Amino acid sequence: MTPKASSRHEAVRGTMPGMEIAAETAAETAALNRLVERARLLAVPGRRRRVLGIAGAPGAGKSTLAGRLVERLGGQAVLVPMDGFHLAQAELVRLGRADRKGAPDTFDVAGYAALLARLRTPEPGTVVYAPAFDRSIEEPVAGSIPVDPAVPLVVTEGNYLLHDEGGWASVRSLLDEVWFLEIDGAERVRRLVERHVRYGKARPYAERWVRESDEANARVVAGGRDRADLVVGQWGAG
């Protein structure tokens, strides 16, 4: 049974400068604590393994929240990101999609769905290895994340967990619960530009990529918001 929450919209918003910063931080911590406890209800040893999805637009903070949840849950959860199923750059070039990297058709969605199905039904004694995505080289790396069969909760995060077109339509049914992250659009764009710059892109190029590619993908992602079990507002860094 899906755990209940006091509200479908868990939001922490703090914009006041100066003295209010401490109160904002306390509110963010309280919100994270509530999310951890909600996730903990899914991570019950001895029961069927659950899969929690965290969706949202590029730069919304999905990987940060997912990482914090897994850290707080200790050995009861493991993080398996959707980004491990990016097609390799050479394949994107071959397909003529390199200038749209990050769009729904630049992932191996069938492979991702197959892994989720396998993770939902762990085999005793069998460790499943999931791929990761290395931003320093902008490539997926196979066999990077070991998922022990005894771990009761898998947390997966990515843009298109709630997308309902093509092969993505099968993903939602493989997730026991999905949270949708949304933050102020201007802040999200700022984070994206800074992330691209941090990984080596020139600022003018980064700004153009965000405007022409990431924001197009963000509009697609927004279409799945109403299919989420919980909407999480602005709470922390991306």
Protein backbone atom coordinates (compact mmCIF):
# COMPACT_ATOMS: atom_id res chain seq x y z
CA MET A 1 0.00 0.00 0.00
CA THR A 2 1.28 3.48 -0.83
CA PRO A 3 2.20 5.38 2.35
CA LYS A 4 0.04 8.34 3.19
CA ALA A 5 1.27 11.89 3.63
CA SER A 6 -0.38 14.88 5.19
CA SER A 7 -0.37 16.65 1.83
CA ARG A 8 0.26 15.72 -1.78
CA HIS A 9 2.39 18.86 -2.07
CA GLU A 10 5.46 18.96 0.18
CA ALA A 11 6.92 22.45 -0.24
CA VAL A 12 9.66 24.45 1.42
CA ARG A 13 10.13 27.93 0.09
CA GLY A 14 12.48 30.45 1.64
CA THR A 15 13.47 33.68 -0.07
CA MET A 16 14.03 36.11 2.78
CA PRO A 17 17.58 37.40 3.20
CA GLY A 18 19.66 37.92 6.29
CA MET A 19 18.16 36.71 9.54
CA GLU A 20 15.57 34.55 7.83
CA ILE A 21 18.24 32.25 6.35
CA ALA A 22 18.43 30.17 9.55
CA ALA A 23 14.65 29.69 9.58
CA GLU A 24 14.72 28.69 5.90
CA THR A 25 17.41 26.12 6.57
CA ALA A 26 15.43 24.68 9.47
CA ALA A 27 12.34 24.43 7.27
CA GLU A 28 14.30 22.67 4.54
CA THR A 29 15.68 20.21 7.08
CA ALA A 30 12.18 19.54 8.39
CA ALA A 31 10.90 18.94 4.87
CA LEU A 32 13.75 16.55 4.12
CA ASN A 33 13.01 14.68 7.36
CA ARG A 34 9.39 14.21 6.28
CA LEU A 35 10.49 12.92 2.89
CA VAL A 36 12.97 10.52 4.50
CA GLU A 37 10.25 9.13 6.74
CA ARG A 38 7.90 8.70 3.79
CA ALA A 39 10.63 6.83 1.91
CA ARG A 40 11.37 4.74 5.01
CA LEU A 41 7.83 3.37 4.87
CA LEU A 42 8.75 1.81 1.54
CA ALA A 43 12.07 0.40 2.76
CA VAL A 44 10.91 -2.51 4.90
CA PRO A 45 13.29 -5.49 5.12
CA GLY A 46 11.62 -8.81 4.53
CA ARG A 47 8.83 -7.39 2.35
CA ARG A 48 8.68 -7.16 -1.42
CA ARG A 49 11.28 -4.72 -2.72
CA ARG A 50 9.84 -1.31 -3.58
CA VAL A 51 11.02 1.18 -6.20
CA LEU A 52 10.69 4.92 -5.54
CA GLY A 53 10.98 7.28 -8.50
CA ILE A 54 11.97 10.94 -8.36
CA ALA A 55 11.10 12.91 -11.50
CA GLY A 56 11.44 16.52 -12.53
CA ALA A 57 12.90 18.86 -15.12
CA PRO A 58 16.65 19.20 -15.71
CA GLY A 59 18.19 21.12 -12.81
CA ALA A 60 15.29 20.55 -10.40
CA GLY A 61 17.50 18.79 -7.83
CA LYS A 62 16.55 15.15 -8.45
CA SER A 63 19.99 13.65 -7.96
CA THR A 64 20.59 15.73 -4.84
CA LEU A 65 17.34 14.66 -3.17
CA ALA A 66 17.75 11.04 -4.23
CA GLY A 67 21.29 10.98 -2.85
CA ARG A 68 20.23 12.52 0.45
CA LEU A 69 17.42 10.00 0.85
CA VAL A 70 19.70 7.03 0.20
CA GLU A 71 22.32 8.43 2.56
CA ARG A 72 19.78 8.91 5.35
CA LEU A 73 18.31 5.43 4.84
CA GLY A 74 21.71 3.83 5.20
CA GLY A 75 21.95 0.32 3.82
CA GLN A 76 18.19 0.10 3.29
CA ALA A 77 18.25 1.85 -0.11
CA VAL A 78 20.38 2.15 -3.24
CA LEU A 79 20.31 4.81 -5.97
CA VAL A 80 19.96 3.75 -9.62
CA PRO A 81 19.77 6.83 -11.90
CA MET A 82 17.92 6.85 -15.21
CA ASP A 83 20.85 8.74 -16.74
CA GLY A 84 22.86 5.52 -16.86
CA PHE A 85 20.73 4.70 -19.89
CA HIS A 86 21.88 7.65 -21.99
CA LEU A 87 22.90 6.40 -25.42
CA ALA A 88 26.65 6.71 -25.97
CA GLN A 89 27.82 9.85 -27.73
CA ALA A 90 29.02 7.87 -30.76
CA GLU A 91 25.55 6.34 -31.15
CA LEU A 92 23.87 9.74 -30.83
CA VAL A 93 26.13 11.03 -33.60
CA ARG A 94 25.28 8.03 -35.77
CA LEU A 95 21.56 8.61 -35.22
CA GLY A 96 21.84 12.36 -35.80
CA ARG A 97 20.61 13.16 -32.29
CA ALA A 98 23.76 14.52 -30.63
CA ASP A 99 22.40 18.07 -30.70
CA ARG A 100 19.36 16.88 -28.69
CA LYS A 101 21.19 14.85 -26.04
CA GLY A 102 18.84 14.49 -23.07
CA ALA A 103 15.63 14.27 -25.13
CA PRO A 104 13.39 11.23 -24.60
CA ASP A 105 14.67 9.45 -27.72
CA THR A 106 18.32 9.72 -26.65
CA PHE A 107 17.95 7.05 -23.94
CA ASP A 108 17.69 3.28 -24.02
CA VAL A 109 14.23 3.27 -22.45
CA ALA A 110 13.67 -0.44 -23.14
CA GLY A 111 16.87 -1.25 -21.26
CA TYR A 112 15.84 0.99 -18.37
CA ALA A 113 12.40 -0.62 -18.11
CA ALA A 114 13.95 -4.08 -18.25
CA LEU A 115 16.32 -3.21 -15.40
CA LEU A 116 13.47 -1.80 -13.28
CA ALA A 117 11.49 -5.01 -13.83
CA ARG A 118 14.50 -7.07 -12.79
CA LEU A 119 15.11 -4.91 -9.72
CA ARG A 120 11.50 -5.33 -8.59
CA THR A 121 11.96 -9.10 -8.33
CA PRO A 122 15.43 -9.71 -6.90
CA GLU A 123 16.88 -13.22 -7.02
CA PRO A 124 18.39 -14.47 -3.75
CA GLY A 125 22.17 -14.40 -3.90
CA THR A 126 22.30 -12.43 -7.18
CA VAL A 127 23.73 -8.91 -7.27
CA VAL A 128 22.40 -6.83 -10.14
CA TYR A 129 24.78 -4.26 -11.64
CA ALA A 130 23.27 -1.02 -12.94
CA PRO A 131 24.91 1.61 -15.15
CA ALA A 132 25.81 5.13 -14.02
CA PHE A 133 26.40 8.35 -15.96
CA ASP A 134 29.77 10.10 -15.70
CA ARG A 135 29.26 13.82 -16.27
CA SER A 136 32.98 14.42 -16.54
CA ILE A 137 33.02 12.48 -19.83
CA GLU A 138 29.29 12.80 -20.64
CA GLU A 139 28.98 9.03 -21.10
CA PRO A 140 27.15 6.11 -19.45
CA VAL A 141 29.35 3.60 -17.61
CA ALA A 142 28.09 0.01 -17.45
CA GLY A 143 28.24 -2.17 -14.35
CA SER A 144 28.86 0.73 -11.97
CA ILE A 145 26.20 0.29 -9.27
CA PRO A 146 25.82 -3.00 -7.38
CA VAL A 147 22.31 -3.69 -6.10
CA ASP A 148 22.33 -6.37 -3.44
CA PRO A 149 19.19 -8.56 -3.38
CA ALA A 150 18.67 -7.84 0.33
CA VAL A 151 18.26 -4.07 -0.14
CA PRO A 152 14.53 -3.34 0.32
CA LEU A 153 14.31 -0.04 -1.59
CA VAL A 154 15.64 1.14 -4.93
CA VAL A 155 15.51 4.90 -5.56
CA THR A 156 15.64 5.91 -9.20
CA GLU A 157 15.66 9.46 -10.51
CA GLY A 158 15.37 11.01 -13.95
CA ASN A 159 13.51 13.37 -16.23
CA TYR A 160 11.07 11.01 -17.88
CA LEU A 161 9.73 8.67 -15.20
CA LEU A 162 6.23 10.11 -15.74
CA HIS A 163 6.46 10.58 -19.50
CA ASP A 164 3.65 8.67 -21.23
CA GLU A 165 4.80 8.47 -24.85
CA GLY A 166 6.60 5.64 -26.61
CA GLY A 167 8.49 3.18 -24.45
CA TRP A 168 8.40 5.58 -21.50
CA ALA A 169 4.73 4.76 -20.94
CA SER A 170 5.73 1.41 -19.39
CA VAL A 171 7.99 2.96 -16.73
CA ARG A 172 5.33 4.36 -14.38
CA SER A 173 3.82 0.93 -13.68
CA LEU A 174 7.25 -0.32 -12.57
CA LEU A 175 7.48 2.30 -9.81
CA ASP A 176 5.64 1.95 -6.52
CA GLU A 177 5.64 5.69 -5.90
CA VAL A 178 6.84 8.74 -7.86
CA TRP A 179 7.64 12.21 -6.53
CA PHE A 180 7.82 15.21 -8.85
CA LEU A 181 10.29 17.99 -8.01
CA GLU A 182 9.58 21.53 -9.12
CA ILE A 183 11.43 24.74 -8.32
CA ASP A 184 11.46 28.33 -9.51
CA GLY A 185 12.20 28.31 -13.23
CA ALA A 186 14.84 31.03 -13.14
CA GLU A 187 16.73 29.28 -10.35
CA ARG A 188 16.56 25.98 -12.20
CA VAL A 189 18.00 27.56 -15.36
CA ARG A 190 20.77 29.20 -13.34
CA ARG A 191 21.71 25.85 -11.83
CA LEU A 192 21.80 24.21 -15.24
CA VAL A 193 24.06 26.85 -16.75
CA GLU A 194 26.43 26.65 -13.79
CA ARG A 195 26.51 22.86 -13.98
CA HIS A 196 27.41 22.91 -17.67
CA VAL A 197 30.13 25.47 -17.01
CA ARG A 198 31.45 23.42 -14.09
CA TYR A 199 31.87 20.44 -16.41
CA GLY A 200 33.82 22.38 -18.99
CA LYS A 201 31.40 24.15 -21.33
CA ALA A 202 32.01 27.79 -22.21
CA ARG A 203 29.33 29.99 -20.65
CA PRO A 204 27.81 31.25 -23.96
CA TYR A 205 27.57 27.65 -25.17
CA ALA A 206 26.08 26.52 -21.85
CA GLU A 207 23.45 29.26 -21.96
CA ARG A 208 22.50 28.38 -25.52
CA TRP A 209 22.32 24.64 -24.72
CA VAL A 210 20.04 25.28 -21.74
CA ARG A 211 17.81 27.59 -23.76
CA GLU A 212 17.51 25.36 -26.83
CA SER A 213 17.84 21.82 -25.43
CA ASP A 214 17.33 21.56 -21.67
CA GLU A 215 14.30 23.86 -21.64
CA ALA A 216 12.66 21.96 -24.50
CA ASN A 217 13.07 18.80 -22.42
CA ALA A 218 11.74 20.59 -19.33
CA ARG A 219 8.48 21.32 -21.16
CA VAL A 220 8.10 17.62 -21.97
CA VAL A 221 8.78 16.66 -18.35
CA ALA A 222 6.17 19.12 -17.05
CA GLY A 223 3.47 17.14 -18.84
CA GLY A 224 3.85 14.29 -16.34
CA ARG A 225 3.46 16.36 -13.17
CA ASP A 226 -0.16 15.38 -12.52
CA ARG A 227 0.71 11.68 -12.59
CA ALA A 228 2.97 12.00 -9.54
CA ASP A 229 2.02 10.73 -6.08
CA LEU A 230 3.69 13.73 -4.44
CA VAL A 231 4.85 17.14 -5.66
CA VAL A 232 7.95 18.41 -3.84
CA GLY A 233 8.61 22.14 -3.95
CA GLN A 234 11.85 24.09 -3.71
CA TRP A 235 13.97 22.78 -0.86
CA GLY A 236 17.65 22.57 -1.67
CA ALA A 237 20.49 22.66 -4.16
CA GLY A 238 20.43 20.95 -7.52
